[in-house]
Amino acid sequence: MEEKKIRSQDKWNAKAGLISKSYKLKRELTEQFAEACEKAGVSQAGQITKMMKEFIDEQNK
């Protein structure tokens, strides 16, 4: 049986606790979001993380 090889990027992601999530969103919305993030000088992942944390905090009050 062939042994499955683990990519070094996958090892790093696992160690850092990172996972990949997929959502279906309207193209126009995602393009506008990408442009807004670029204009603000922030990463899309960083901005989504910030918004998720704020939403979680609001729900836990």
N, C-alpha and C. Protein backbone atom coordinates (compact mmCIF):
# COMPACT_ATOMS: atom_id res chain seq x y z
N MET A 1 0.84 -1.18 0.00
CA MET A 1 0.00 0.00 0.00
C MET A 1 0.89 1.24 0.00
N GLU A 2 0.48 2.23 -0.76
CA GLU A 2 1.26 3.45 -0.91
C GLU A 2 1.06 4.36 0.29
N GLU A 3 2.15 4.90 0.81
CA GLU A 3 2.08 5.80 1.96
C GLU A 3 1.74 7.21 1.47
N LYS A 4 0.76 7.83 2.12
CA LYS A 4 0.35 9.19 1.74
C LYS A 4 1.40 10.19 2.24
N LYS A 5 1.84 11.05 1.33
CA LYS A 5 2.84 12.05 1.70
C LYS A 5 2.13 13.32 2.14
N ILE A 6 2.63 13.92 3.20
CA ILE A 6 2.06 15.16 3.72
C ILE A 6 2.95 16.31 3.28
N ARG A 7 2.33 17.28 2.63
CA ARG A 7 3.09 18.45 2.18
C ARG A 7 3.53 19.27 3.39
N SER A 8 4.66 19.95 3.27
CA SER A 8 5.15 20.75 4.39
C SER A 8 4.18 21.88 4.70
N GLN A 9 3.48 22.42 3.68
CA GLN A 9 2.49 23.47 3.92
C GLN A 9 1.33 22.93 4.76
N ASP A 10 0.93 21.68 4.49
CA ASP A 10 -0.14 21.06 5.26
C ASP A 10 0.29 20.85 6.71
N LYS A 11 1.54 20.47 6.93
CA LYS A 11 2.06 20.31 8.29
C LYS A 11 2.03 21.63 9.03
N TRP A 12 2.47 22.70 8.35
CA TRP A 12 2.50 24.03 8.97
C TRP A 12 1.08 24.48 9.31
N ASN A 13 0.14 24.29 8.38
CA ASN A 13 -1.26 24.68 8.63
C ASN A 13 -1.83 23.94 9.83
N ALA A 14 -1.57 22.64 9.92
CA ALA A 14 -2.06 21.85 11.04
C ALA A 14 -1.46 22.35 12.36
N LYS A 15 -0.18 22.63 12.35
CA LYS A 15 0.50 23.12 13.56
C LYS A 15 -0.05 24.47 13.99
N ALA A 16 -0.38 25.32 13.01
CA ALA A 16 -0.89 26.66 13.30
C ALA A 16 -2.41 26.64 13.57
N GLY A 17 -3.05 25.49 13.38
CA GLY A 17 -4.47 25.38 13.62
C GLY A 17 -5.32 25.99 12.52
N LEU A 18 -4.80 26.04 11.30
CA LEU A 18 -5.52 26.63 10.19
C LEU A 18 -6.26 25.57 9.39
N ILE A 19 -7.48 25.91 8.98
CA ILE A 19 -8.27 25.04 8.12
C ILE A 19 -8.78 25.87 6.94
N SER A 20 -9.21 25.21 5.92
CA SER A 20 -9.79 25.86 4.75
C SER A 20 -11.30 25.68 4.79
N LYS A 21 -12.04 26.79 4.61
CA LYS A 21 -13.50 26.74 4.56
C LYS A 21 -13.94 27.26 3.21
N SER A 22 -15.03 26.75 2.72
CA SER A 22 -15.55 27.18 1.44
C SER A 22 -17.00 27.64 1.61
N TYR A 23 -17.28 28.83 1.08
CA TYR A 23 -18.63 29.38 1.12
C TYR A 23 -19.01 29.80 -0.29
N LYS A 24 -20.28 29.69 -0.62
CA LYS A 24 -20.75 30.17 -1.91
C LYS A 24 -21.35 31.55 -1.70
N LEU A 25 -20.74 32.53 -2.36
CA LEU A 25 -21.18 33.92 -2.24
C LEU A 25 -21.32 34.51 -3.64
N LYS A 26 -22.09 35.56 -3.75
CA LYS A 26 -22.27 36.24 -5.03
C LYS A 26 -20.93 36.81 -5.50
N ARG A 27 -20.65 36.63 -6.79
CA ARG A 27 -19.40 37.11 -7.38
C ARG A 27 -19.22 38.61 -7.16
N GLU A 28 -20.29 39.38 -7.40
CA GLU A 28 -20.20 40.83 -7.27
C GLU A 28 -19.79 41.24 -5.84
N LEU A 29 -20.37 40.57 -4.85
CA LEU A 29 -20.04 40.87 -3.46
C LEU A 29 -18.58 40.56 -3.15
N THR A 30 -18.12 39.40 -3.61
CA THR A 30 -16.73 39.02 -3.31
C THR A 30 -15.73 39.91 -4.03
N GLU A 31 -16.07 40.35 -5.23
CA GLU A 31 -15.18 41.26 -5.95
C GLU A 31 -15.12 42.62 -5.27
N GLN A 32 -16.28 43.10 -4.80
CA GLN A 32 -16.31 44.38 -4.08
C GLN A 32 -15.52 44.28 -2.77
N PHE A 33 -15.65 43.14 -2.10
CA PHE A 33 -14.93 42.92 -0.85
C PHE A 33 -13.42 42.92 -1.10
N ALA A 34 -12.99 42.24 -2.15
CA ALA A 34 -11.56 42.19 -2.49
C ALA A 34 -11.03 43.59 -2.77
N GLU A 35 -11.80 44.38 -3.52
CA GLU A 35 -11.39 45.76 -3.83
C GLU A 35 -11.32 46.62 -2.57
N ALA A 36 -12.30 46.47 -1.69
CA ALA A 36 -12.33 47.24 -0.45
C ALA A 36 -11.14 46.88 0.44
N CYS A 37 -10.81 45.59 0.51
CA CYS A 37 -9.67 45.16 1.32
C CYS A 37 -8.36 45.71 0.75
N GLU A 38 -8.25 45.68 -0.57
CA GLU A 38 -7.05 46.21 -1.21
C GLU A 38 -6.92 47.70 -0.93
N LYS A 39 -8.02 48.42 -1.06
CA LYS A 39 -8.03 49.87 -0.81
C LYS A 39 -7.64 50.18 0.64
N ALA A 40 -8.12 49.35 1.57
CA ALA A 40 -7.83 49.54 2.99
C ALA A 40 -6.45 49.01 3.38
N GLY A 41 -5.82 48.26 2.49
CA GLY A 41 -4.49 47.72 2.78
C GLY A 41 -4.51 46.57 3.77
N VAL A 42 -5.60 45.80 3.76
CA VAL A 42 -5.70 44.65 4.66
C VAL A 42 -5.92 43.39 3.84
N SER A 43 -5.58 42.25 4.41
CA SER A 43 -5.82 40.99 3.72
C SER A 43 -7.28 40.60 3.89
N GLN A 44 -7.80 39.88 2.90
CA GLN A 44 -9.18 39.42 2.99
C GLN A 44 -9.36 38.48 4.18
N ALA A 45 -8.43 37.56 4.37
CA ALA A 45 -8.52 36.62 5.48
C ALA A 45 -8.48 37.35 6.82
N GLY A 46 -7.62 38.34 6.92
CA GLY A 46 -7.53 39.11 8.16
C GLY A 46 -8.81 39.86 8.45
N GLN A 47 -9.42 40.45 7.43
CA GLN A 47 -10.66 41.19 7.62
C GLN A 47 -11.81 40.26 7.96
N ILE A 48 -11.89 39.11 7.30
CA ILE A 48 -12.94 38.14 7.62
C ILE A 48 -12.78 37.66 9.06
N THR A 49 -11.56 37.38 9.48
CA THR A 49 -11.30 36.96 10.85
C THR A 49 -11.77 38.02 11.84
N LYS A 50 -11.45 39.27 11.57
CA LYS A 50 -11.86 40.38 12.44
C LYS A 50 -13.38 40.45 12.54
N MET A 51 -14.06 40.36 11.40
CA MET A 51 -15.52 40.44 11.41
C MET A 51 -16.15 39.25 12.13
N MET A 52 -15.55 38.07 11.96
CA MET A 52 -16.07 36.88 12.65
C MET A 52 -15.93 37.04 14.16
N LYS A 53 -14.77 37.50 14.62
CA LYS A 53 -14.55 37.69 16.06
C LYS A 53 -15.51 38.71 16.64
N GLU A 54 -15.74 39.82 15.92
CA GLU A 54 -16.68 40.84 16.39
C GLU A 54 -18.08 40.27 16.49
N PHE A 55 -18.50 39.49 15.51
CA PHE A 55 -19.82 38.88 15.52
C PHE A 55 -19.96 37.90 16.69
N ILE A 56 -18.93 37.09 16.90
CA ILE A 56 -18.95 36.13 18.03
C ILE A 56 -19.07 36.87 19.35
N ASP A 57 -18.27 37.95 19.51
CA ASP A 57 -18.32 38.74 20.75
C ASP A 57 -19.71 39.33 20.97
N GLU A 58 -20.34 39.84 19.91
CA GLU A 58 -21.69 40.41 20.03
C GLU A 58 -22.69 39.35 20.47
N GLN A 59 -22.56 38.14 19.95
CA GLN A 59 -23.50 37.07 20.27
C GLN A 59 -23.29 36.52 21.69
N ASN A 60 -22.10 36.71 22.23
CA ASN A 60 -21.78 36.19 23.57
C ASN A 60 -22.07 37.19 24.68
N LYS A 61 -22.65 38.33 24.35
CA LYS A 61 -22.97 39.33 25.39
C LYS A 61 -24.22 38.97 26.11
